[in-house]
Protein backbone atom coordinates (compact mmCIF):
# COMPACT_ATOMS: atom_id res chain seq x y z
CA MET A 1 -11.88 11.96 -11.95
CA PRO A 2 -12.89 8.55 -13.34
CA ALA A 3 -10.69 5.49 -13.22
CA HIS A 4 -7.88 5.47 -15.74
CA ASP A 5 -5.11 3.18 -16.89
CA HIS A 6 -1.80 3.14 -15.05
CA HIS A 7 1.57 1.77 -15.86
CA GLU A 8 1.72 -1.08 -13.34
CA HIS A 9 5.31 -1.57 -12.26
CA HIS A 10 6.61 -5.06 -11.37
CA GLY A 11 9.82 -6.53 -9.98
CA HIS A 12 12.93 -4.37 -10.26
CA ASP A 13 10.97 -1.74 -12.22
CA LEU A 14 8.61 -1.36 -9.23
CA THR A 15 11.55 -0.94 -6.85
CA GLN A 16 13.07 1.72 -9.13
CA ALA A 17 9.74 3.57 -9.37
CA ALA A 18 9.39 3.48 -5.59
CA GLN A 19 12.93 4.78 -5.12
CA ALA A 20 12.36 7.62 -7.61
CA THR A 21 9.07 8.59 -5.93
CA LEU A 22 10.61 8.56 -2.45
CA GLU A 23 13.65 10.58 -3.51
CA LYS A 24 11.43 13.07 -5.32
CA SER A 25 9.71 13.71 -1.98
CA GLY A 26 13.09 14.58 -0.44
CA GLU A 27 13.64 11.31 1.43
CA GLN A 28 16.63 8.99 1.14
CA TRP A 29 16.38 5.50 -0.30
CA THR A 30 18.44 3.47 2.16
CA ALA A 31 19.43 -0.19 1.97
CA MET A 32 16.97 -1.06 4.77
CA ARG A 33 14.14 0.82 3.08
CA GLU A 34 14.88 -1.08 -0.12
CA ARG A 35 14.85 -4.43 1.72
CA VAL A 36 11.54 -3.60 3.40
CA PHE A 37 9.99 -2.47 0.12
CA GLU A 38 11.17 -5.55 -1.75
CA ALA A 39 9.87 -7.82 1.01
CA LEU A 40 6.50 -6.04 0.94
CA ALA A 41 6.31 -6.24 -2.85
CA GLY A 42 7.12 -9.96 -2.66
CA PHE A 43 3.91 -10.83 -0.82
CA ASP A 44 0.87 -11.77 -2.90
CA LYS A 45 -1.50 -10.69 -0.09
CA PRO A 46 -1.43 -7.81 2.38
CA ALA A 47 1.45 -8.28 4.82
CA SER A 48 1.78 -7.17 8.42
CA ALA A 49 4.86 -5.42 9.74
CA TYR A 50 5.69 -8.68 11.53
CA ASP A 51 5.47 -10.66 8.25
CA ILE A 52 7.78 -8.15 6.59
CA ALA A 53 10.20 -8.07 9.55
CA GLU A 54 10.42 -11.88 9.41
CA ALA A 55 11.09 -11.86 5.65
CA VAL A 56 13.78 -9.18 5.96
CA SER A 57 15.31 -10.98 8.97
CA LYS A 58 15.63 -14.19 6.95
CA ALA A 59 17.17 -12.35 4.00
CA GLU A 60 19.58 -10.42 6.25
CA GLY A 61 20.50 -13.34 8.50
CA ARG A 62 19.84 -11.14 11.53
CA ARG A 63 16.80 -10.05 13.50
CA VAL A 64 14.99 -6.97 12.22
CA ALA A 65 12.51 -5.45 14.68
CA ALA A 66 8.89 -4.94 13.64
CA ASN A 67 9.06 -1.42 15.17
CA SER A 68 11.70 -0.45 12.60
CA VAL A 69 9.53 -1.88 9.83
CA TYR A 70 6.48 0.04 11.10
CA ARG A 71 8.39 3.34 10.86
CA ILE A 72 9.45 2.56 7.30
CA LEU A 73 5.91 1.49 6.36
CA ASP A 74 4.52 4.75 7.75
CA LEU A 75 6.97 6.61 5.51
CA PHE A 76 5.97 4.43 2.54
CA VAL A 77 2.25 5.07 3.08
CA GLY A 78 2.87 8.81 3.42
CA SER A 79 4.94 8.78 0.23
CA ASN A 80 2.43 6.68 -1.79
CA LEU A 81 4.75 3.65 -2.04
CA ALA A 82 2.41 1.45 -0.02
CA ARG A 83 -1.23 1.32 1.01
CA ARG A 84 -2.57 0.22 4.37
CA VAL A 85 -5.44 -2.23 4.45
CA GLU A 86 -7.03 -0.89 7.63
CA SER A 87 -9.24 -3.85 8.52
CA ALA A 88 -6.32 -6.29 8.26
CA ASN A 89 -3.67 -4.00 9.82
CA ALA A 90 -1.55 -4.96 6.83
CA TYR A 91 0.10 -3.33 3.84
CA VAL A 92 0.39 -3.75 0.09
CA ALA A 93 2.96 -2.24 -2.25
CA ASN A 94 1.51 0.40 -4.57
CA ALA A 95 2.16 -0.82 -8.12
CA HIS A 96 2.00 2.74 -9.43
CA PRO A 97 3.65 4.96 -6.78
CA ASP A 98 4.03 7.81 -9.24
CA CYS A 99 0.23 8.23 -9.47
CA LEU A 100 -1.82 9.47 -6.49
CA HIS A 101 -5.40 8.25 -6.03
CA ASP A 102 -7.81 7.43 -3.27
CA CYS A 103 -8.07 3.73 -2.82
CA ILE A 104 -10.75 1.10 -2.73
CA PHE A 105 -9.86 -2.37 -1.46
CA LEU A 106 -11.86 -5.53 -2.16
CA VAL A 107 -10.93 -7.89 0.68
CA CYS A 108 -11.83 -11.59 0.56
CA ASP A 109 -12.91 -12.84 3.99
CA SER A 110 -12.08 -16.44 3.01
CA CYS A 111 -8.57 -16.31 1.55
CA GLY A 112 -7.42 -12.78 2.41
CA GLN A 113 -6.73 -11.84 -1.20
CA THR A 114 -7.02 -8.08 -1.60
CA THR A 115 -7.64 -6.24 -4.85
CA HIS A 116 -6.81 -2.55 -5.06
CA LEU A 117 -8.98 -0.36 -7.27
CA ASP A 118 -8.56 3.29 -8.15
CA ASP A 119 -11.82 5.04 -8.89
CA ASP A 120 -11.81 8.67 -7.85
CA SER A 121 -15.42 9.11 -8.97
CA ILE A 122 -16.55 7.04 -5.98
CA THR A 123 -14.26 8.69 -3.43
CA LYS A 124 -15.17 12.12 -4.81
CA ASN A 125 -18.66 11.59 -3.39
CA VAL A 126 -17.20 10.45 -0.06
CA ARG A 127 -15.01 13.55 0.08
CA SER A 128 -18.00 15.76 -0.77
CA ALA A 129 -20.17 14.21 1.95
CA ALA A 130 -17.35 14.64 4.50
CA LYS A 131 -16.93 18.31 3.58
CA THR A 132 -20.69 18.88 3.82
CA ALA A 133 -20.52 17.44 7.36
CA GLY A 134 -17.76 19.93 8.21
CA PHE A 135 -14.98 17.33 8.04
CA SER A 136 -11.77 17.88 6.10
CA PRO A 137 -10.82 14.48 4.61
CA VAL A 138 -7.16 13.76 3.95
CA ARG A 139 -7.54 10.48 2.09
CA PRO A 140 -10.62 8.27 2.08
CA VAL A 141 -10.02 4.55 2.35
CA ILE A 142 -12.87 2.30 1.33
CA GLU A 143 -12.81 -1.42 2.02
CA VAL A 144 -15.39 -3.84 0.70
CA ARG A 145 -15.42 -7.18 2.54
CA GLY A 146 -16.79 -10.29 0.87
CA LYS A 147 -15.65 -13.27 -1.19
CA CYS A 148 -13.43 -13.20 -4.27
CA ALA A 149 -14.34 -15.10 -7.43
CA ASP A 150 -11.97 -17.98 -6.49
CA CYS A 151 -13.71 -18.48 -3.11
CA GLU A 152 -17.28 -17.87 -4.28
């Protein structure tokens, strides 16, 4: 399947789309899950669980443990609300949680900016090669490290 246009959600619309997607999967949208999602969506670069825990702690006026955030992030990744940038051990909010694709990240080694691309034609070949090797891929994650146009 080639790349296609998505409706990119932003702000409150993104939070509502995330809530609808999570609830459709049979999970509850709790106040803490909402705070974690909004904190994640508020970062302009991939954020670690510790970054998110700190942001939620400040907003709540009480300490929120990174372990609690990790559990919520695992749920978000499994429900397509967030994507994990493996090489950075960090997360980004999925701007179109109602659309499931394999993901390609372009990660700038200088500034950390990460661009998320959806192009299933590329990952289709990765999936095919994995199957030929006798491997059953769940979801390929491709990361391309380099420099963004601003750092070039």
